[in-house]
Amino acid sequence: MIIGRNAILTITTLAVLGSAALAGGHLSGDQEKAMKVRNGHMQLYSFNLGILGAMAQDKAPYDAAAAATAAANLAAVAGISQDGYWVEGTDTSVEGSRAKPEIWTDFAGFEQDNADLGTATVALAAVAGDGLDALKGAFGPVGKACGACHEDYRAPRE
């Protein structure tokens, strides 16, 4: 079977257009890497907050050493630079991202929320091993800082 020249041009054109359309739905390597790293960063927050939150809510017995370690980890993670995590085009328009577009339209506010979290986690780390009351008192501002950022910059799970 011989395919005519026009048919070949049509097939080639459709293949090129189809490839371009598919490429529009995929992330670049840098975007994909940024999303993976920031998701890992958030998982570290979640893991350590879970330990501390369980103690603060009396769902787990208070353990001074575990509280001090989790709080120190939390402060360390909050101190890691997030430069490079927030690549444009990795917002909620991409499957797997809960980052609202407001991160990029209000980056100064987003950075302030991150700074507030850093301040609160350092304060928590300073007292988490000093007793349950100290942990509970310092845990509130951490939760408030997390909640402020989530409210403004993170979409709910679907």
N, C-alpha and C. Protein backbone atom coordinates (compact mmCIF):
# COMPACT_ATOMS: atom_id res chain seq x y z
N MET A 1 0.85 -1.17 0.00
CA MET A 1 0.00 0.00 0.00
C MET A 1 0.90 1.23 0.00
N ILE A 2 0.62 2.15 -0.89
CA ILE A 2 1.39 3.38 -1.00
C ILE A 2 0.55 4.51 -0.43
N ILE A 3 1.18 5.29 0.47
CA ILE A 3 0.50 6.42 1.08
C ILE A 3 0.93 7.66 0.31
N GLY A 4 -0.04 8.49 -0.05
CA GLY A 4 0.24 9.70 -0.80
C GLY A 4 0.98 10.74 0.04
N ARG A 5 1.60 11.68 -0.67
CA ARG A 5 2.37 12.74 -0.01
C ARG A 5 1.50 13.57 0.93
N ASN A 6 0.30 13.92 0.51
CA ASN A 6 -0.60 14.70 1.37
C ASN A 6 -0.98 13.93 2.62
N ALA A 7 -1.18 12.64 2.50
CA ALA A 7 -1.52 11.83 3.66
C ALA A 7 -0.36 11.80 4.65
N ILE A 8 0.87 11.70 4.14
CA ILE A 8 2.05 11.70 5.00
C ILE A 8 2.17 13.04 5.71
N LEU A 9 1.96 14.14 4.99
CA LEU A 9 2.02 15.47 5.61
C LEU A 9 0.94 15.62 6.68
N THR A 10 -0.23 15.12 6.40
CA THR A 10 -1.32 15.21 7.37
C THR A 10 -1.00 14.41 8.63
N ILE A 11 -0.52 13.20 8.45
CA ILE A 11 -0.18 12.34 9.59
C ILE A 11 0.95 12.98 10.41
N THR A 12 1.97 13.51 9.72
CA THR A 12 3.10 14.15 10.41
C THR A 12 2.63 15.37 11.19
N THR A 13 1.78 16.18 10.57
CA THR A 13 1.27 17.37 11.23
C THR A 13 0.46 17.00 12.46
N LEU A 14 -0.41 16.01 12.35
CA LEU A 14 -1.20 15.56 13.49
C LEU A 14 -0.31 15.01 14.61
N ALA A 15 0.74 14.29 14.24
CA ALA A 15 1.64 13.75 15.25
C ALA A 15 2.37 14.86 15.99
N VAL A 16 2.81 15.87 15.26
CA VAL A 16 3.51 17.00 15.89
C VAL A 16 2.55 17.76 16.80
N LEU A 17 1.35 18.05 16.32
CA LEU A 17 0.37 18.76 17.14
C LEU A 17 -0.04 17.94 18.36
N GLY A 18 -0.20 16.64 18.18
CA GLY A 18 -0.55 15.78 19.30
C GLY A 18 0.55 15.75 20.34
N SER A 19 1.81 15.72 19.91
CA SER A 19 2.94 15.73 20.84
C SER A 19 2.98 17.04 21.61
N ALA A 20 2.72 18.13 20.93
CA ALA A 20 2.73 19.44 21.60
C ALA A 20 1.61 19.51 22.64
N ALA A 21 0.45 18.97 22.29
CA ALA A 21 -0.66 18.98 23.23
C ALA A 21 -0.34 18.14 24.47
N LEU A 22 0.27 16.98 24.25
CA LEU A 22 0.64 16.14 25.38
C LEU A 22 1.71 16.79 26.23
N ALA A 23 2.67 17.44 25.60
CA ALA A 23 3.75 18.09 26.34
C ALA A 23 3.20 19.19 27.24
N GLY A 24 2.12 19.84 26.82
CA GLY A 24 1.53 20.90 27.63
C GLY A 24 0.98 20.38 28.96
N GLY A 25 0.69 19.09 29.05
CA GLY A 25 0.14 18.52 30.27
C GLY A 25 1.20 17.92 31.17
N HIS A 26 2.46 18.00 30.80
CA HIS A 26 3.54 17.39 31.58
C HIS A 26 4.42 18.47 32.20
N LEU A 27 5.07 18.09 33.27
CA LEU A 27 5.99 19.00 33.95
C LEU A 27 7.38 18.87 33.36
N SER A 28 8.11 19.96 33.45
CA SER A 28 9.53 19.89 33.09
C SER A 28 10.24 19.13 34.20
N GLY A 29 11.46 18.74 33.95
CA GLY A 29 12.25 18.06 34.97
C GLY A 29 12.42 18.90 36.22
N ASP A 30 12.67 20.20 36.04
CA ASP A 30 12.83 21.10 37.19
C ASP A 30 11.55 21.24 37.99
N GLN A 31 10.43 21.32 37.30
CA GLN A 31 9.13 21.43 37.99
C GLN A 31 8.83 20.16 38.78
N GLU A 32 9.07 19.02 38.14
CA GLU A 32 8.81 17.74 38.81
C GLU A 32 9.70 17.59 40.04
N LYS A 33 10.96 17.94 39.90
CA LYS A 33 11.90 17.84 41.03
C LYS A 33 11.47 18.77 42.17
N ALA A 34 11.07 19.99 41.83
CA ALA A 34 10.63 20.95 42.85
C ALA A 34 9.44 20.42 43.62
N MET A 35 8.48 19.84 42.92
CA MET A 35 7.30 19.31 43.59
C MET A 35 7.66 18.14 44.51
N LYS A 36 8.53 17.27 44.05
CA LYS A 36 8.93 16.12 44.88
C LYS A 36 9.64 16.59 46.15
N VAL A 37 10.54 17.55 46.00
CA VAL A 37 11.30 18.03 47.15
C VAL A 37 10.39 18.74 48.14
N ARG A 38 9.52 19.61 47.65
CA ARG A 38 8.65 20.33 48.59
C ARG A 38 7.65 19.40 49.25
N ASN A 39 7.19 18.37 48.54
CA ASN A 39 6.29 17.40 49.17
C ASN A 39 7.03 16.63 50.27
N GLY A 40 8.29 16.30 50.04
CA GLY A 40 9.09 15.66 51.07
C GLY A 40 9.28 16.56 52.27
N HIS A 41 9.51 17.84 52.01
CA HIS A 41 9.66 18.83 53.08
C HIS A 41 8.40 18.86 53.93
N MET A 42 7.25 18.89 53.28
CA MET A 42 5.98 18.94 54.01
C MET A 42 5.74 17.65 54.79
N GLN A 43 6.20 16.52 54.26
CA GLN A 43 6.05 15.25 54.98
C GLN A 43 6.90 15.25 56.26
N LEU A 44 8.07 15.86 56.20
CA LEU A 44 8.89 15.98 57.40
C LEU A 44 8.20 16.84 58.45
N TYR A 45 7.58 17.95 58.00
CA TYR A 45 6.78 18.75 58.93
C TYR A 45 5.71 17.87 59.58
N SER A 46 4.95 17.19 58.74
CA SER A 46 3.82 16.40 59.20
C SER A 46 4.25 15.31 60.18
N PHE A 47 5.33 14.63 59.89
CA PHE A 47 5.81 13.56 60.76
C PHE A 47 6.11 14.09 62.16
N ASN A 48 6.88 15.16 62.23
CA ASN A 48 7.28 15.71 63.52
C ASN A 48 6.12 16.40 64.24
N LEU A 49 5.26 17.07 63.49
CA LEU A 49 4.07 17.67 64.09
C LEU A 49 3.15 16.60 64.67
N GLY A 50 3.10 15.45 64.03
CA GLY A 50 2.27 14.36 64.53
C GLY A 50 2.72 13.89 65.90
N ILE A 51 4.01 13.77 66.08
CA ILE A 51 4.56 13.36 67.39
C ILE A 51 4.20 14.39 68.44
N LEU A 52 4.46 15.65 68.14
CA LEU A 52 4.22 16.73 69.10
C LEU A 52 2.73 16.95 69.34
N GLY A 53 1.95 16.90 68.28
CA GLY A 53 0.51 17.11 68.40
C GLY A 53 -0.15 16.04 69.25
N ALA A 54 0.28 14.80 69.09
CA ALA A 54 -0.30 13.72 69.89
C ALA A 54 -0.04 13.97 71.38
N MET A 55 1.16 14.43 71.71
CA MET A 55 1.46 14.74 73.11
C MET A 55 0.65 15.95 73.58
N ALA A 56 0.62 17.00 72.77
CA ALA A 56 -0.07 18.24 73.15
C ALA A 56 -1.57 18.02 73.33
N GLN A 57 -2.14 17.05 72.61
CA GLN A 57 -3.57 16.77 72.70
C GLN A 57 -3.87 15.60 73.65
N ASP A 58 -2.86 15.20 74.41
CA ASP A 58 -3.01 14.10 75.37
C ASP A 58 -3.44 12.78 74.71
N LYS A 59 -3.05 12.59 73.47
CA LYS A 59 -3.33 11.34 72.76
C LYS A 59 -2.15 10.38 72.86
N ALA A 60 -1.02 10.89 73.33
CA ALA A 60 0.18 10.08 73.57
C ALA A 60 0.82 10.61 74.84
N PRO A 61 1.47 9.75 75.58
CA PRO A 61 2.12 10.22 76.80
C PRO A 61 3.25 11.18 76.47
N TYR A 62 3.42 12.16 77.33
CA TYR A 62 4.50 13.12 77.13
C TYR A 62 5.83 12.41 77.35
N ASP A 63 6.75 12.61 76.42
CA ASP A 63 8.10 12.06 76.49
C ASP A 63 9.04 13.22 76.18
N ALA A 64 9.74 13.69 77.19
CA ALA A 64 10.58 14.88 77.04
C ALA A 64 11.62 14.73 75.94
N ALA A 65 12.27 13.58 75.88
CA ALA A 65 13.31 13.37 74.86
C ALA A 65 12.71 13.35 73.46
N ALA A 66 11.59 12.64 73.30
CA ALA A 66 10.94 12.58 71.99
C ALA A 66 10.41 13.95 71.58
N ALA A 67 9.87 14.69 72.54
CA ALA A 67 9.36 16.04 72.24
C ALA A 67 10.49 16.96 71.83
N ALA A 68 11.58 16.90 72.56
CA ALA A 68 12.72 17.77 72.23
C ALA A 68 13.29 17.43 70.85
N THR A 69 13.38 16.15 70.55
CA THR A 69 13.90 15.73 69.25
C THR A 69 12.98 16.16 68.12
N ALA A 70 11.68 15.89 68.26
CA ALA A 70 10.72 16.26 67.20
C ALA A 70 10.68 17.77 67.00
N ALA A 71 10.75 18.52 68.08
CA ALA A 71 10.72 19.99 67.97
C ALA A 71 12.01 20.50 67.32
N ALA A 72 13.14 19.91 67.68
CA ALA A 72 14.40 20.31 67.04
C ALA A 72 14.38 19.97 65.55
N ASN A 73 13.83 18.80 65.22
CA ASN A 73 13.70 18.43 63.80
C ASN A 73 12.82 19.42 63.06
N LEU A 74 11.72 19.77 63.68
CA LEU A 74 10.77 20.71 63.08
C LEU A 74 11.44 22.06 62.82
N ALA A 75 12.17 22.56 63.80
CA ALA A 75 12.87 23.83 63.62
C ALA A 75 13.93 23.73 62.54
N ALA A 76 14.61 22.59 62.48
CA ALA A 76 15.64 22.40 61.44
C ALA A 76 15.01 22.40 60.06
N VAL A 77 13.90 21.70 59.91
CA VAL A 77 13.22 21.65 58.60
C VAL A 77 12.70 23.03 58.23
N ALA A 78 12.16 23.76 59.20
CA ALA A 78 11.66 25.12 58.93
C ALA A 78 12.80 26.05 58.53
N GLY A 79 14.01 25.72 58.94
CA GLY A 79 15.16 26.55 58.61
C GLY A 79 15.78 26.25 57.26
N ILE A 80 15.34 25.21 56.60
CA ILE A 80 15.88 24.87 55.28
C ILE A 80 15.33 25.85 54.25
N SER A 81 16.21 26.39 53.45
CA SER A 81 15.78 27.31 52.40
C SER A 81 14.86 26.60 51.42
N GLN A 82 13.79 27.26 51.08
CA GLN A 82 12.85 26.70 50.11
C GLN A 82 13.03 27.31 48.72
N ASP A 83 14.10 28.02 48.54
CA ASP A 83 14.41 28.56 47.21
C ASP A 83 14.45 27.39 46.22
N GLY A 84 13.74 27.52 45.17
CA GLY A 84 13.71 26.47 44.16
C GLY A 84 12.54 25.51 44.30
N TYR A 85 11.83 25.53 45.43
CA TYR A 85 10.68 24.63 45.61
C TYR A 85 9.45 25.12 44.86
N TRP A 86 9.34 26.43 44.76
CA TRP A 86 8.10 27.04 44.30
C TRP A 86 8.26 27.54 42.87
N VAL A 87 8.38 26.59 41.95
CA VAL A 87 8.56 26.88 40.54
C VAL A 87 7.20 27.17 39.93
N GLU A 88 7.12 28.26 39.17
CA GLU A 88 5.85 28.58 38.52
C GLU A 88 5.40 27.42 37.64
N GLY A 89 4.10 27.24 37.58
CA GLY A 89 3.54 26.14 36.80
C GLY A 89 3.38 24.87 37.61
N THR A 90 3.61 24.95 38.93
CA THR A 90 3.45 23.77 39.79
C THR A 90 2.36 24.00 40.82
N ASP A 91 1.35 24.74 40.42
CA ASP A 91 0.24 25.02 41.32
C ASP A 91 -0.85 23.97 41.14
N THR A 92 -2.03 24.27 41.60
CA THR A 92 -3.14 23.30 41.57
C THR A 92 -3.57 22.91 40.16
N SER A 93 -3.05 23.59 39.15
CA SER A 93 -3.37 23.20 37.77
C SER A 93 -2.66 21.90 37.39
N VAL A 94 -1.73 21.46 38.23
CA VAL A 94 -0.96 20.25 37.98
C VAL A 94 -1.44 19.16 38.93
N GLU A 95 -1.68 17.98 38.39
CA GLU A 95 -2.10 16.86 39.23
C GLU A 95 -1.06 16.60 40.32
N GLY A 96 -1.54 16.44 41.54
CA GLY A 96 -0.65 16.15 42.65
C GLY A 96 -0.18 17.38 43.41
N SER A 97 -0.55 18.56 42.93
CA SER A 97 -0.14 19.79 43.63
C SER A 97 -1.33 20.41 44.34
N ARG A 98 -1.10 20.81 45.57
CA ARG A 98 -2.12 21.52 46.34
C ARG A 98 -1.72 22.98 46.53
N ALA A 99 -0.66 23.39 45.86
CA ALA A 99 -0.17 24.76 45.98
C ALA A 99 -1.10 25.69 45.20
N LYS A 100 -1.73 26.61 45.92
CA LYS A 100 -2.63 27.56 45.26
C LYS A 100 -1.82 28.57 44.44
N PRO A 101 -2.40 29.09 43.37
CA PRO A 101 -1.72 30.11 42.57
C PRO A 101 -1.36 31.36 43.37
N GLU A 102 -2.03 31.57 44.51
CA GLU A 102 -1.76 32.74 45.34
C GLU A 102 -0.32 32.77 45.86
N ILE A 103 0.33 31.61 45.89
CA ILE A 103 1.75 31.60 46.29
C ILE A 103 2.54 32.53 45.38
N TRP A 104 2.26 32.48 44.10
CA TRP A 104 3.04 33.27 43.14
C TRP A 104 2.53 34.69 43.00
N THR A 105 1.24 34.91 43.29
CA THR A 105 0.71 36.28 43.19
C THR A 105 0.92 37.07 44.48
N ASP A 106 1.17 36.37 45.58
CA ASP A 106 1.43 37.02 46.87
C ASP A 106 2.64 36.35 47.53
N PHE A 107 3.75 36.32 46.83
CA PHE A 107 4.92 35.62 47.34
C PHE A 107 5.44 36.24 48.63
N ALA A 108 5.32 37.55 48.78
CA ALA A 108 5.78 38.19 50.02
C ALA A 108 4.97 37.68 51.22
N GLY A 109 3.67 37.54 51.06
CA GLY A 109 2.83 37.01 52.13
C GLY A 109 3.17 35.56 52.43
N PHE A 110 3.42 34.79 51.40
CA PHE A 110 3.81 33.40 51.55
C PHE A 110 5.13 33.29 52.31
N GLU A 111 6.09 34.11 51.94
CA GLU A 111 7.38 34.10 52.64
C GLU A 111 7.23 34.53 54.10
N GLN A 112 6.32 35.46 54.37
CA GLN A 112 6.09 35.89 55.75
C GLN A 112 5.51 34.74 56.58
N ASP A 113 4.57 34.00 56.00
CA ASP A 113 4.02 32.85 56.71
C ASP A 113 5.12 31.83 57.01
N ASN A 114 6.03 31.61 56.06
CA ASN A 114 7.15 30.70 56.30
C ASN A 114 8.05 31.22 57.41
N ALA A 115 8.31 32.52 57.43
CA ALA A 115 9.14 33.12 58.47
C ALA A 115 8.47 32.98 59.84
N ASP A 116 7.15 33.18 59.87
CA ASP A 116 6.40 33.02 61.13
C ASP A 116 6.50 31.59 61.64
N LEU A 117 6.42 30.63 60.73
CA LEU A 117 6.57 29.23 61.12
C LEU A 117 7.97 28.98 61.68
N GLY A 118 8.97 29.54 61.04
CA GLY A 118 10.34 29.38 61.52
C GLY A 118 10.51 29.91 62.93
N THR A 119 9.97 31.09 63.18
CA THR A 119 10.06 31.70 64.51
C THR A 119 9.35 30.84 65.55
N ALA A 120 8.16 30.35 65.21
CA ALA A 120 7.38 29.54 66.14
C ALA A 120 8.06 28.20 66.42
N THR A 121 8.67 27.59 65.41
CA THR A 121 9.31 26.29 65.64
C THR A 121 10.58 26.43 66.48
N VAL A 122 11.30 27.52 66.32
CA VAL A 122 12.49 27.75 67.16
C VAL A 122 12.06 27.92 68.61
N ALA A 123 10.98 28.67 68.84
CA ALA A 123 10.47 28.87 70.20
C ALA A 123 10.01 27.54 70.80
N LEU A 124 9.37 26.71 70.00
CA LEU A 124 8.92 25.40 70.46
C LEU A 124 10.13 24.52 70.81
N ALA A 125 11.12 24.51 69.96
CA ALA A 125 12.31 23.68 70.20
C ALA A 125 13.01 24.07 71.50
N ALA A 126 12.93 25.33 71.86
CA ALA A 126 13.59 25.81 73.08
C ALA A 126 12.95 25.26 74.36
N VAL A 127 11.66 24.86 74.29
CA VAL A 127 10.96 24.46 75.52
C VAL A 127 10.29 23.09 75.46
N ALA A 128 10.29 22.44 74.32
CA ALA A 128 9.52 21.19 74.16
C ALA A 128 9.91 20.11 75.16
N GLY A 129 11.16 20.07 75.57
CA GLY A 129 11.60 19.06 76.53
C GLY A 129 11.43 19.46 77.98
N ASP A 130 10.83 20.62 78.21
CA ASP A 130 10.71 21.15 79.58
C ASP A 130 9.39 20.82 80.27
N GLY A 131 8.64 19.93 79.72
CA GLY A 131 7.37 19.53 80.35
C GLY A 131 6.20 19.73 79.41
N LEU A 132 5.12 19.03 79.71
CA LEU A 132 3.93 19.05 78.86
C LEU A 132 3.31 20.44 78.76
N ASP A 133 3.27 21.16 79.87
CA ASP A 133 2.68 22.50 79.83
C ASP A 133 3.49 23.43 78.91
N ALA A 134 4.81 23.32 78.98
CA ALA A 134 5.66 24.14 78.11
C ALA A 134 5.44 23.77 76.65
N LEU A 135 5.34 22.47 76.38
CA LEU A 135 5.08 22.00 75.02
C LEU A 135 3.75 22.55 74.52
N LYS A 136 2.72 22.40 75.31
CA LYS A 136 1.39 22.86 74.90
C LYS A 136 1.39 24.37 74.64
N GLY A 137 2.04 25.11 75.50
CA GLY A 137 2.07 26.57 75.33
C GLY A 137 2.77 27.01 74.06
N ALA A 138 3.82 26.31 73.68
CA ALA A 138 4.58 26.70 72.49
C ALA A 138 4.05 26.05 71.22
N PHE A 139 3.24 25.02 71.37
CA PHE A 139 2.71 24.32 70.19
C PHE A 139 1.63 25.13 69.48
N GLY A 140 0.87 25.88 70.23
CA GLY A 140 -0.22 26.69 69.64
C GLY A 140 0.25 27.62 68.54
N PRO A 141 1.30 28.42 68.76
CA PRO A 141 1.77 29.31 67.70
C PRO A 141 2.27 28.56 66.46
N VAL A 142 2.80 27.35 66.64
CA VAL A 142 3.23 26.55 65.48
C VAL A 142 2.00 26.16 64.67
N GLY A 143 0.98 25.67 65.36
CA GLY A 143 -0.27 25.31 64.67
C GLY A 143 -0.90 26.50 63.97
N LYS A 144 -0.84 27.65 64.62
CA LYS A 144 -1.40 28.87 64.03
C LYS A 144 -0.63 29.25 62.77
N ALA A 145 0.69 29.15 62.81
CA ALA A 145 1.50 29.48 61.63
C ALA A 145 1.24 28.51 60.48
N CYS A 146 1.15 27.23 60.81
CA CYS A 146 0.84 26.24 59.77
C CYS A 146 -0.54 26.52 59.16
N GLY A 147 -1.50 26.74 60.02
CA GLY A 147 -2.87 26.98 59.56
C GLY A 147 -3.00 28.21 58.70
N ALA A 148 -2.27 29.27 59.04
CA ALA A 148 -2.34 30.51 58.25
C ALA A 148 -1.86 30.26 56.83
N CYS A 149 -0.77 29.54 56.71
CA CYS A 149 -0.23 29.25 55.38
C CYS A 149 -1.17 28.33 54.60
N HIS A 150 -1.68 27.30 55.27
CA HIS A 150 -2.58 26.38 54.59
C HIS A 150 -3.85 27.07 54.13
N GLU A 151 -4.38 27.95 54.95
CA GLU A 151 -5.61 28.64 54.59
C GLU A 151 -5.43 29.49 53.32
N ASP A 152 -4.32 30.19 53.26
CA ASP A 152 -4.10 31.10 52.14
C ASP A 152 -3.48 30.45 50.91
N TYR A 153 -2.66 29.41 51.12
CA TYR A 153 -1.80 28.95 50.03
C TYR A 153 -1.88 27.46 49.70
N ARG A 154 -2.73 26.70 50.38
CA ARG A 154 -2.84 25.28 50.10
C ARG A 154 -4.29 24.91 49.85
N ALA A 155 -4.52 24.24 48.75
CA ALA A 155 -5.88 23.79 48.41
C ALA A 155 -6.22 22.54 49.23
N PRO A 156 -7.50 22.36 49.54
CA PRO A 156 -7.89 21.15 50.29
C PRO A 156 -7.72 19.91 49.43
N ARG A 157 -7.65 18.77 50.09
CA ARG A 157 -7.60 17.49 49.36
C ARG A 157 -8.92 17.30 48.65
N GLU A 158 -8.83 16.70 47.49
CA GLU A 158 -10.08 16.42 46.74
C GLU A 158 -10.63 15.09 47.10
